[in-house]
Structure formats: structure tokens, C-alpha cells
Amino acid sequence: MSELKTSDGFFFLSPVLVLLSILIINDNLGFTATESDAILFSIRMNLLGAIIFAFGIGFLAFALAGRLRMRAPSGVFMFFEGVGLVITIVGFFAYGLGMKEMVDLLAGTHILIISLPQFITGLIIWATGILLITFAGASTDRNEERMIFFVILVTLAVCCFVLAMLFPWEVTTIS
């Protein structure tokens, strides 16, 4: 009989989180409302879906690192962390720029328009960056590298929180 490893829980939880994020995003893809607060809520729910998607991909990276038991040298770690951080930021902005709000002043309605190809492309780029960062962090043994990994994750978490608050003002356009 095979033994359960700690990475098995990550293998189970990863698809659950990815599916949950897809359901959240799917529920908020197109939206028409008479109040701007409903549009802002829908945009923030889409950003929340992206963050949950990142957790799912991060859990998958931890599971793969636990199964493969690779130990990355410092140069490889720093390369994965640096490239992953840049890719994640680019993906997050590409993901966010796929959402546009149109305001019809005569009818008083707000319409959330989503460019689905740009939206999905940004989500895939975002997930690739998270996978690189998390895989590098899970494959290291040195305390200094673990601290760098922790700082990068905290930085991404703070950026996601701040962007979720500030991004809806960037999306809003009056036509």
C-alpha cells in the first residue's frame, strides 16, 4: 500500500481552488447594473478569482516540488524568483486591462465589458509567474532564500490588495 505524503493534499486542493476561481470569474464575466457599486463589486470579485487561482497554482507548485525533490542552486532560485515576479506583475495588469466599464449617462446604466482573450491570457501569464516563484521557493533549503521567497509572497499579497482597491478607478471610462 502506498503512503500519503504532505504534497498529496496540495495535489487535491490545487484543482479545487482553480475550479473555485473559475466559477467566481465565470459568474462575473458580463454585467449590467444601474449602480456603479455593483460594477465595482463585480470587478473586485474577478480580482479575487485571480488571487484564488494563484493560490491553486501555488499549491500545485508546492506539490510538484515535494514530489520531485529538486534542490535549486542560488542562481537558479534568484532567476526563477526574478522572472516569476516580473511575469506575475505583467500578467496581473494584462488580466485587469481585459475589464472595461462603460457608463451610459442617459440611461444611467453601467456595463462591464470583458475582453475574454485578453482576460484569459492575463490569467495564464499571472499563473505562470506564480508557478515559477512558488516552485523556486519550495525547492530551496537555505534560510536566506526562504526569506526572499517570503518577502516576495508578502509583496505580491500587498500589491494584490492595493490593486483590488485602486484598480476599479483605472478601469472606469465614460463613453
N, C-alpha and C. Protein backbone atom coordinates (compact mmCIF):
# COMPACT_ATOMS: atom_id res chain seq x y z
N MET A 1 0.83 -1.17 0.00
CA MET A 1 0.00 0.00 0.00
C MET A 1 0.88 1.25 0.00
N SER A 2 0.52 2.22 -0.79
CA SER A 2 1.33 3.43 -0.90
C SER A 2 1.07 4.36 0.29
N GLU A 3 2.08 5.16 0.59
CA GLU A 3 1.97 6.09 1.70
C GLU A 3 1.52 7.45 1.20
N LEU A 4 0.80 8.14 2.07
CA LEU A 4 0.41 9.52 1.75
C LEU A 4 1.54 10.45 2.14
N LYS A 5 1.80 11.42 1.27
CA LYS A 5 2.81 12.44 1.55
C LYS A 5 2.11 13.77 1.75
N THR A 6 2.84 14.71 2.30
CA THR A 6 2.24 16.03 2.53
C THR A 6 1.87 16.70 1.21
N SER A 7 2.57 16.39 0.15
CA SER A 7 2.27 17.00 -1.14
C SER A 7 0.96 16.48 -1.74
N ASP A 8 0.46 15.34 -1.26
CA ASP A 8 -0.80 14.81 -1.79
C ASP A 8 -1.98 15.73 -1.49
N GLY A 9 -1.97 16.37 -0.34
CA GLY A 9 -3.02 17.32 -0.01
C GLY A 9 -3.00 18.52 -0.94
N PHE A 10 -1.80 18.96 -1.30
CA PHE A 10 -1.68 20.07 -2.25
C PHE A 10 -2.19 19.65 -3.63
N PHE A 11 -1.92 18.40 -4.03
CA PHE A 11 -2.43 17.92 -5.32
C PHE A 11 -3.96 17.89 -5.34
N PHE A 12 -4.58 17.60 -4.20
CA PHE A 12 -6.04 17.61 -4.14
C PHE A 12 -6.60 19.02 -4.10
N LEU A 13 -5.99 19.87 -3.28
CA LEU A 13 -6.54 21.21 -3.07
C LEU A 13 -6.32 22.14 -4.26
N SER A 14 -5.26 21.91 -5.02
CA SER A 14 -4.96 22.77 -6.16
C SER A 14 -6.09 22.81 -7.19
N PRO A 15 -6.57 21.67 -7.71
CA PRO A 15 -7.68 21.76 -8.68
C PRO A 15 -8.96 22.30 -8.08
N VAL A 16 -9.17 22.08 -6.78
CA VAL A 16 -10.37 22.61 -6.13
C VAL A 16 -10.34 24.14 -6.14
N LEU A 17 -9.18 24.72 -5.80
CA LEU A 17 -9.06 26.18 -5.80
C LEU A 17 -9.15 26.75 -7.21
N VAL A 18 -8.53 26.08 -8.18
CA VAL A 18 -8.61 26.56 -9.56
C VAL A 18 -10.05 26.53 -10.05
N LEU A 19 -10.77 25.45 -9.75
CA LEU A 19 -12.18 25.35 -10.15
C LEU A 19 -13.02 26.42 -9.46
N LEU A 20 -12.77 26.65 -8.18
CA LEU A 20 -13.49 27.69 -7.45
C LEU A 20 -13.25 29.06 -8.07
N SER A 21 -12.01 29.34 -8.43
CA SER A 21 -11.71 30.64 -9.04
C SER A 21 -12.38 30.78 -10.40
N ILE A 22 -12.41 29.71 -11.18
CA ILE A 22 -13.07 29.77 -12.48
C ILE A 22 -14.57 30.01 -12.31
N LEU A 23 -15.17 29.40 -11.31
CA LEU A 23 -16.60 29.63 -11.05
C LEU A 23 -16.86 31.08 -10.62
N ILE A 24 -15.97 31.63 -9.79
CA ILE A 24 -16.13 33.03 -9.37
C ILE A 24 -16.00 33.96 -10.57
N ILE A 25 -14.99 33.72 -11.40
CA ILE A 25 -14.77 34.57 -12.57
C ILE A 25 -15.91 34.42 -13.56
N ASN A 26 -16.36 33.19 -13.79
CA ASN A 26 -17.44 32.94 -14.75
C ASN A 26 -18.73 33.63 -14.33
N ASP A 27 -18.97 33.72 -13.04
CA ASP A 27 -20.19 34.36 -12.55
C ASP A 27 -20.16 35.88 -12.72
N ASN A 28 -18.97 36.45 -12.92
CA ASN A 28 -18.82 37.90 -13.01
C ASN A 28 -18.27 38.37 -14.35
N LEU A 29 -18.48 37.59 -15.41
CA LEU A 29 -17.89 37.95 -16.70
C LEU A 29 -18.58 39.13 -17.37
N GLY A 30 -19.86 39.12 -17.51
CA GLY A 30 -20.56 40.23 -18.14
C GLY A 30 -21.59 40.76 -17.17
N PHE A 31 -21.73 42.07 -17.12
CA PHE A 31 -22.56 42.63 -16.06
C PHE A 31 -23.14 43.95 -16.50
N THR A 32 -24.42 44.18 -16.22
CA THR A 32 -25.07 45.46 -16.45
C THR A 32 -25.81 45.83 -15.17
N ALA A 33 -25.62 47.06 -14.73
CA ALA A 33 -26.27 47.49 -13.49
C ALA A 33 -26.57 48.98 -13.58
N THR A 34 -27.47 49.40 -12.71
CA THR A 34 -27.78 50.83 -12.66
C THR A 34 -26.94 51.55 -11.62
N GLU A 35 -26.22 50.84 -10.79
CA GLU A 35 -25.38 51.45 -9.76
C GLU A 35 -23.92 51.10 -10.01
N SER A 36 -23.05 52.05 -9.79
CA SER A 36 -21.63 51.80 -10.00
C SER A 36 -21.05 50.86 -8.94
N ASP A 37 -21.67 50.80 -7.76
CA ASP A 37 -21.18 49.90 -6.72
C ASP A 37 -21.26 48.44 -7.14
N ALA A 38 -22.28 48.08 -7.89
CA ALA A 38 -22.40 46.70 -8.37
C ALA A 38 -21.29 46.36 -9.35
N ILE A 39 -20.91 47.31 -10.19
CA ILE A 39 -19.82 47.09 -11.13
C ILE A 39 -18.50 46.96 -10.38
N LEU A 40 -18.27 47.82 -9.41
CA LEU A 40 -17.05 47.74 -8.62
C LEU A 40 -16.97 46.40 -7.88
N PHE A 41 -18.09 45.93 -7.37
CA PHE A 41 -18.12 44.63 -6.70
C PHE A 41 -17.77 43.53 -7.68
N SER A 42 -18.30 43.58 -8.89
CA SER A 42 -18.01 42.56 -9.90
C SER A 42 -16.53 42.57 -10.28
N ILE A 43 -15.94 43.76 -10.41
CA ILE A 43 -14.52 43.85 -10.73
C ILE A 43 -13.68 43.27 -9.60
N ARG A 44 -14.04 43.60 -8.38
CA ARG A 44 -13.28 43.07 -7.24
C ARG A 44 -13.45 41.56 -7.11
N MET A 45 -14.60 41.04 -7.46
CA MET A 45 -14.79 39.59 -7.43
C MET A 45 -13.92 38.91 -8.49
N ASN A 46 -13.77 39.53 -9.66
CA ASN A 46 -12.88 38.98 -10.68
C ASN A 46 -11.43 38.99 -10.20
N LEU A 47 -11.03 40.06 -9.51
CA LEU A 47 -9.67 40.10 -8.96
C LEU A 47 -9.50 39.06 -7.85
N LEU A 48 -10.53 38.85 -7.05
CA LEU A 48 -10.48 37.80 -6.04
C LEU A 48 -10.34 36.43 -6.70
N GLY A 49 -11.04 36.23 -7.81
CA GLY A 49 -10.91 34.98 -8.55
C GLY A 49 -9.48 34.75 -9.02
N ALA A 50 -8.81 35.81 -9.45
CA ALA A 50 -7.41 35.70 -9.89
C ALA A 50 -6.50 35.34 -8.72
N ILE A 51 -6.78 35.89 -7.56
CA ILE A 51 -5.95 35.59 -6.39
C ILE A 51 -6.17 34.15 -5.93
N ILE A 52 -7.40 33.67 -5.95
CA ILE A 52 -7.67 32.27 -5.60
C ILE A 52 -7.03 31.34 -6.63
N PHE A 53 -7.06 31.74 -7.90
CA PHE A 53 -6.40 30.97 -8.95
C PHE A 53 -4.90 30.87 -8.66
N ALA A 54 -4.31 31.96 -8.20
CA ALA A 54 -2.88 31.96 -7.87
C ALA A 54 -2.58 31.03 -6.71
N PHE A 55 -3.47 30.99 -5.71
CA PHE A 55 -3.28 30.04 -4.61
C PHE A 55 -3.32 28.61 -5.13
N GLY A 56 -4.24 28.30 -6.03
CA GLY A 56 -4.31 26.96 -6.60
C GLY A 56 -3.04 26.59 -7.35
N ILE A 57 -2.52 27.51 -8.14
CA ILE A 57 -1.28 27.26 -8.88
C ILE A 57 -0.10 27.15 -7.91
N GLY A 58 -0.10 27.97 -6.88
CA GLY A 58 0.96 27.88 -5.87
C GLY A 58 0.95 26.54 -5.16
N PHE A 59 -0.23 26.04 -4.83
CA PHE A 59 -0.33 24.72 -4.20
C PHE A 59 0.16 23.63 -5.15
N LEU A 60 -0.13 23.78 -6.43
CA LEU A 60 0.37 22.82 -7.42
C LEU A 60 1.90 22.86 -7.47
N ALA A 61 2.49 24.05 -7.41
CA ALA A 61 3.95 24.16 -7.42
C ALA A 61 4.56 23.52 -6.18
N PHE A 62 3.94 23.71 -5.01
CA PHE A 62 4.42 23.06 -3.80
C PHE A 62 4.32 21.55 -3.92
N ALA A 63 3.23 21.06 -4.49
CA ALA A 63 3.07 19.61 -4.66
C ALA A 63 4.13 19.06 -5.60
N LEU A 64 4.38 19.74 -6.71
CA LEU A 64 5.41 19.28 -7.65
C LEU A 64 6.79 19.32 -7.01
N ALA A 65 7.09 20.37 -6.27
CA ALA A 65 8.39 20.47 -5.61
C ALA A 65 8.55 19.37 -4.56
N GLY A 66 7.47 19.03 -3.87
CA GLY A 66 7.53 17.96 -2.88
C GLY A 66 7.72 16.59 -3.52
N ARG A 67 7.14 16.39 -4.67
CA ARG A 67 7.27 15.11 -5.36
C ARG A 67 8.61 14.96 -6.07
N LEU A 68 9.08 16.04 -6.71
CA LEU A 68 10.31 15.97 -7.50
C LEU A 68 11.56 16.08 -6.63
N ARG A 69 11.43 16.69 -5.47
CA ARG A 69 12.53 16.87 -4.52
C ARG A 69 13.78 17.46 -5.19
N MET A 70 13.57 18.48 -5.98
CA MET A 70 14.68 19.17 -6.62
C MET A 70 15.21 20.24 -5.68
N ARG A 71 16.49 20.41 -5.65
CA ARG A 71 17.11 21.47 -4.87
C ARG A 71 17.79 22.42 -5.84
N ALA A 72 17.30 23.62 -5.90
CA ALA A 72 17.79 24.60 -6.87
C ALA A 72 19.01 25.32 -6.30
N PRO A 73 20.06 25.49 -7.10
CA PRO A 73 21.18 26.34 -6.66
C PRO A 73 20.72 27.79 -6.54
N SER A 74 21.51 28.61 -5.89
CA SER A 74 21.12 30.01 -5.63
C SER A 74 20.86 30.79 -6.90
N GLY A 75 21.68 30.59 -7.94
CA GLY A 75 21.48 31.33 -9.18
C GLY A 75 20.16 30.98 -9.85
N VAL A 76 19.82 29.71 -9.84
CA VAL A 76 18.55 29.27 -10.43
C VAL A 76 17.38 29.81 -9.61
N PHE A 77 17.52 29.78 -8.29
CA PHE A 77 16.48 30.31 -7.42
C PHE A 77 16.21 31.79 -7.71
N MET A 78 17.28 32.58 -7.76
CA MET A 78 17.12 34.02 -7.99
C MET A 78 16.56 34.29 -9.39
N PHE A 79 16.97 33.49 -10.38
CA PHE A 79 16.44 33.66 -11.73
C PHE A 79 14.94 33.38 -11.75
N PHE A 80 14.51 32.26 -11.16
CA PHE A 80 13.08 31.91 -11.13
C PHE A 80 12.28 32.95 -10.36
N GLU A 81 12.81 33.40 -9.23
CA GLU A 81 12.10 34.40 -8.43
C GLU A 81 11.96 35.72 -9.19
N GLY A 82 13.06 36.19 -9.79
CA GLY A 82 13.02 37.47 -10.51
C GLY A 82 12.13 37.43 -11.74
N VAL A 83 12.31 36.40 -12.55
CA VAL A 83 11.49 36.27 -13.76
C VAL A 83 10.03 36.05 -13.39
N GLY A 84 9.79 35.23 -12.37
CA GLY A 84 8.42 34.97 -11.93
C GLY A 84 7.72 36.22 -11.43
N LEU A 85 8.44 37.07 -10.71
CA LEU A 85 7.85 38.31 -10.21
C LEU A 85 7.47 39.25 -11.34
N VAL A 86 8.36 39.40 -12.32
CA VAL A 86 8.05 40.26 -13.47
C VAL A 86 6.87 39.70 -14.27
N ILE A 87 6.88 38.40 -14.51
CA ILE A 87 5.79 37.78 -15.26
C ILE A 87 4.47 37.93 -14.52
N THR A 88 4.49 37.78 -13.21
CA THR A 88 3.27 37.90 -12.41
C THR A 88 2.69 39.31 -12.49
N ILE A 89 3.54 40.31 -12.39
CA ILE A 89 3.05 41.69 -12.45
C ILE A 89 2.47 42.00 -13.83
N VAL A 90 3.17 41.58 -14.88
CA VAL A 90 2.67 41.79 -16.25
C VAL A 90 1.34 41.06 -16.45
N GLY A 91 1.25 39.83 -15.98
CA GLY A 91 0.01 39.06 -16.11
C GLY A 91 -1.15 39.68 -15.36
N PHE A 92 -0.87 40.22 -14.17
CA PHE A 92 -1.94 40.83 -13.39
C PHE A 92 -2.50 42.06 -14.10
N PHE A 93 -1.62 42.87 -14.69
CA PHE A 93 -2.10 44.05 -15.41
C PHE A 93 -2.80 43.66 -16.71
N ALA A 94 -2.29 42.64 -17.41
CA ALA A 94 -2.96 42.19 -18.63
C ALA A 94 -4.34 41.63 -18.29
N TYR A 95 -4.43 40.93 -17.17
CA TYR A 95 -5.71 40.39 -16.70
C TYR A 95 -6.68 41.53 -16.39
N GLY A 96 -6.20 42.53 -15.69
CA GLY A 96 -7.06 43.64 -15.29
C GLY A 96 -7.48 44.53 -16.45
N LEU A 97 -6.60 44.68 -17.43
CA LEU A 97 -6.94 45.53 -18.57
C LEU A 97 -7.97 44.89 -19.49
N GLY A 98 -8.27 43.63 -19.27
CA GLY A 98 -9.32 42.97 -20.04
C GLY A 98 -10.71 43.40 -19.61
N MET A 99 -10.81 44.14 -18.50
CA MET A 99 -12.10 44.62 -18.00
C MET A 99 -12.25 46.10 -18.28
N LYS A 100 -13.37 46.48 -18.84
CA LYS A 100 -13.67 47.89 -19.11
C LYS A 100 -15.09 48.18 -18.62
N GLU A 101 -15.29 49.37 -18.11
CA GLU A 101 -16.63 49.78 -17.69
C GLU A 101 -17.11 50.88 -18.62
N MET A 102 -18.32 50.73 -19.11
CA MET A 102 -18.94 51.75 -19.96
C MET A 102 -20.12 52.33 -19.17
N VAL A 103 -20.23 53.64 -19.17
CA VAL A 103 -21.30 54.32 -18.45
C VAL A 103 -22.17 55.03 -19.47
N ASP A 104 -23.45 54.70 -19.46
CA ASP A 104 -24.42 55.39 -20.32
C ASP A 104 -25.12 56.43 -19.44
N LEU A 105 -24.75 57.69 -19.63
CA LEU A 105 -25.27 58.74 -18.77
C LEU A 105 -26.77 58.97 -18.97
N LEU A 106 -27.27 58.77 -20.20
CA LEU A 106 -28.69 59.00 -20.46
C LEU A 106 -29.56 57.94 -19.78
N ALA A 107 -29.17 56.69 -19.92
CA ALA A 107 -29.96 55.61 -19.32
C ALA A 107 -29.59 55.37 -17.86
N GLY A 108 -28.42 55.85 -17.45
CA GLY A 108 -27.99 55.66 -16.07
C GLY A 108 -27.53 54.25 -15.78
N THR A 109 -27.04 53.54 -16.79
CA THR A 109 -26.59 52.17 -16.58
C THR A 109 -25.07 52.09 -16.69
N HIS A 110 -24.53 51.11 -16.01
CA HIS A 110 -23.10 50.79 -16.05
C HIS A 110 -22.98 49.40 -16.65
N ILE A 111 -22.09 49.24 -17.61
CA ILE A 111 -21.91 47.96 -18.28
C ILE A 111 -20.44 47.55 -18.13
N LEU A 112 -20.20 46.35 -17.61
CA LEU A 112 -18.85 45.82 -17.50
C LEU A 112 -18.58 44.99 -18.75
N ILE A 113 -17.62 45.42 -19.55
CA ILE A 113 -17.26 44.73 -20.78
C ILE A 113 -15.93 44.03 -20.54
N ILE A 114 -15.89 42.74 -20.87
CA ILE A 114 -14.68 41.96 -20.65
C ILE A 114 -14.19 41.41 -21.97
N SER A 115 -12.92 41.69 -22.28
CA SER A 115 -12.27 41.10 -23.44
C SER A 115 -11.77 39.72 -23.02
N LEU A 116 -12.50 38.68 -23.37
CA LEU A 116 -12.21 37.34 -22.88
C LEU A 116 -10.81 36.84 -23.27
N PRO A 117 -10.35 37.03 -24.53
CA PRO A 117 -8.99 36.56 -24.84
C PRO A 117 -7.91 37.26 -24.00
N GLN A 118 -8.05 38.57 -23.81
CA GLN A 118 -7.07 39.30 -23.02
C GLN A 118 -7.18 38.91 -21.54
N PHE A 119 -8.38 38.68 -21.09
CA PHE A 119 -8.65 38.28 -19.72
C PHE A 119 -7.99 36.94 -19.41
N ILE A 120 -8.20 35.95 -20.27
CA ILE A 120 -7.65 34.61 -20.06
C ILE A 120 -6.14 34.60 -20.26
N THR A 121 -5.64 35.36 -21.24
CA THR A 121 -4.20 35.44 -21.45
C THR A 121 -3.50 36.02 -20.23
N GLY A 122 -4.06 37.07 -19.67
CA GLY A 122 -3.50 37.66 -18.46
C GLY A 122 -3.52 36.68 -17.29
N LEU A 123 -4.59 35.91 -17.18
CA LEU A 123 -4.70 34.92 -16.10
C LEU A 123 -3.65 33.82 -16.26
N ILE A 124 -3.40 33.40 -17.48
CA ILE A 124 -2.39 32.35 -17.72
C ILE A 124 -0.98 32.90 -17.46
N ILE A 125 -0.72 34.14 -17.88
CA ILE A 125 0.59 34.76 -17.61
C ILE A 125 0.80 34.90 -16.10
N TRP A 126 -0.25 35.35 -15.41
CA TRP A 126 -0.22 35.50 -13.95
C TRP A 126 0.09 34.16 -13.28
N ALA A 127 -0.57 33.10 -13.74
CA ALA A 127 -0.37 31.78 -13.15
C ALA A 127 1.04 31.25 -13.41
N THR A 128 1.60 31.53 -14.58
CA THR A 128 2.96 31.10 -14.89
C THR A 128 3.97 31.75 -13.95
N GLY A 129 3.81 33.03 -13.69
CA GLY A 129 4.69 33.73 -12.76
C GLY A 129 4.58 33.18 -11.34
N ILE A 130 3.36 32.92 -10.90
CA ILE A 130 3.16 32.36 -9.56
C ILE A 130 3.78 30.97 -9.47
N LEU A 131 3.66 30.16 -10.52
CA LEU A 131 4.25 28.82 -10.55
C LEU A 131 5.76 28.90 -10.42
N LEU A 132 6.40 29.81 -11.16
CA LEU A 132 7.86 29.96 -11.08
C LEU A 132 8.31 30.40 -9.69
N ILE A 133 7.63 31.39 -9.13
CA ILE A 133 8.00 31.90 -7.81
C ILE A 133 7.84 30.82 -6.75
N THR A 134 6.72 30.15 -6.75
CA THR A 134 6.43 29.17 -5.71
C THR A 134 7.31 27.94 -5.85
N PHE A 135 7.55 27.49 -7.08
CA PHE A 135 8.40 26.32 -7.29
C PHE A 135 9.82 26.61 -6.82
N ALA A 136 10.33 27.80 -7.13
CA ALA A 136 11.68 28.17 -6.67
C ALA A 136 11.73 28.24 -5.15
N GLY A 137 10.72 28.83 -4.54
CA GLY A 137 10.71 28.94 -3.08
C GLY A 137 10.57 27.61 -2.38
N ALA A 138 9.81 26.69 -2.98
CA ALA A 138 9.63 25.38 -2.37
C ALA A 138 10.83 24.47 -2.60
N SER A 139 11.69 24.79 -3.56
CA SER A 139 12.83 23.94 -3.89
C SER A 139 14.12 24.38 -3.21
N THR A 140 14.05 25.31 -2.30
CA THR A 140 15.27 25.81 -1.67
C THR A 140 15.41 25.29 -0.24
N ASP A 141 16.67 25.22 0.21
CA ASP A 141 16.96 24.78 1.57
C ASP A 141 17.56 25.89 2.43
N ARG A 142 18.10 26.91 1.80
CA ARG A 142 18.80 27.95 2.54
C ARG A 142 17.80 28.94 3.16
N ASN A 143 18.11 29.37 4.37
CA ASN A 143 17.23 30.30 5.09
C ASN A 143 17.14 31.65 4.40
N GLU A 144 18.25 32.15 3.82
CA GLU A 144 18.22 33.44 3.15
C GLU A 144 17.26 33.41 1.96
N GLU A 145 17.29 32.32 1.22
CA GLU A 145 16.41 32.20 0.06
C GLU A 145 14.95 32.05 0.48
N ARG A 146 14.72 31.37 1.59
CA ARG A 146 13.35 31.26 2.10
C ARG A 146 12.81 32.62 2.54
N MET A 147 13.69 33.45 3.10
CA MET A 147 13.27 34.81 3.49
C MET A 147 12.95 35.65 2.25
N ILE A 148 13.75 35.51 1.20
CA ILE A 148 13.47 36.22 -0.05
C ILE A 148 12.13 35.76 -0.61
N PHE A 149 11.89 34.47 -0.58
CA PHE A 149 10.62 33.91 -1.04
C PHE A 149 9.45 34.48 -0.24
N PHE A 150 9.61 34.54 1.09
CA PHE A 150 8.57 35.08 1.95
C PHE A 150 8.32 36.56 1.65
N VAL A 151 9.38 37.33 1.45
CA VAL A 151 9.23 38.76 1.15
C VAL A 151 8.51 38.94 -0.19
N ILE A 152 8.83 38.13 -1.18
CA ILE A 152 8.17 38.24 -2.48
C ILE A 152 6.69 37.88 -2.36
N LEU A 153 6.36 36.85 -1.61
CA LEU A 153 4.94 36.49 -1.43
C LEU A 153 4.18 37.58 -0.69
N VAL A 154 4.79 38.16 0.34
CA VAL A 154 4.13 39.26 1.07
C VAL A 154 3.96 40.47 0.15
N THR A 155 4.98 40.76 -0.66
CA THR A 155 4.88 41.88 -1.61
C THR A 155 3.76 41.66 -2.60
N LEU A 156 3.65 40.46 -3.13
CA LEU A 156 2.56 40.16 -4.07
C LEU A 156 1.20 40.26 -3.39
N ALA A 157 1.10 39.81 -2.15
CA ALA A 157 -0.17 39.88 -1.43
C ALA A 157 -0.58 41.34 -1.20
N VAL A 158 0.37 42.17 -0.79
CA VAL A 158 0.07 43.58 -0.58
C VAL A 158 -0.31 44.25 -1.89
N CYS A 159 0.43 43.93 -2.97
CA CYS A 159 0.11 44.52 -4.29
C CYS A 159 -1.28 44.10 -4.74
N CYS A 160 -1.63 42.85 -4.55
CA CYS A 160 -2.97 42.40 -4.94
C CYS A 160 -4.05 43.13 -4.16
N PHE A 161 -3.83 43.31 -2.87
CA PHE A 161 -4.81 44.01 -2.04
C PHE A 161 -4.95 45.47 -2.48
N VAL A 162 -3.82 46.14 -2.68
CA VAL A 162 -3.85 47.55 -3.08
C VAL A 162 -4.47 47.70 -4.47
N LEU A 163 -4.08 46.83 -5.39
CA LEU A 163 -4.64 46.92 -6.74
C LEU A 163 -6.13 46.61 -6.76
N ALA A 164 -6.58 45.72 -5.88
CA ALA A 164 -8.01 45.43 -5.82
C ALA A 164 -8.80 46.64 -5.34
N MET A 165 -8.16 47.49 -4.55
CA MET A 165 -8.83 48.71 -4.10
C MET A 165 -8.73 49.83 -5.13
N LEU A 166 -7.57 49.95 -5.78
CA LEU A 166 -7.33 51.07 -6.69
C LEU A 166 -7.71 50.78 -8.14
N PHE A 167 -7.68 49.51 -8.54
CA PHE A 167 -7.87 49.18 -9.95
C PHE A 167 -9.22 49.59 -10.52
N PRO A 168 -10.33 49.46 -9.79
CA PRO A 168 -11.61 49.87 -10.38
C PRO A 168 -11.65 51.32 -10.84
N TRP A 169 -10.90 52.21 -10.20
CA TRP A 169 -10.87 53.60 -10.67
C TRP A 169 -10.14 53.71 -11.99
N GLU A 170 -9.13 52.83 -12.23
CA GLU A 170 -8.43 52.83 -13.51
C GLU A 170 -9.30 52.29 -14.63
N VAL A 171 -10.16 51.34 -14.31
CA VAL A 171 -10.98 50.68 -15.32
C VAL A 171 -12.07 51.61 -15.85
N THR A 172 -12.57 52.47 -14.98
CA THR A 172 -13.73 53.29 -15.31
C THR A 172 -13.41 54.26 -16.45
N THR A 173 -14.23 54.18 -17.50
CA THR A 173 -14.15 55.13 -18.62
C THR A 173 -15.55 55.60 -18.93
N ILE A 174 -15.68 56.83 -19.31
CA ILE A 174 -17.01 57.36 -19.69
C ILE A 174 -17.05 57.45 -21.19
N SER A 175 -18.09 56.86 -21.76
CA SER A 175 -18.24 56.92 -23.23
C SER A 175 -19.37 57.84 -23.61
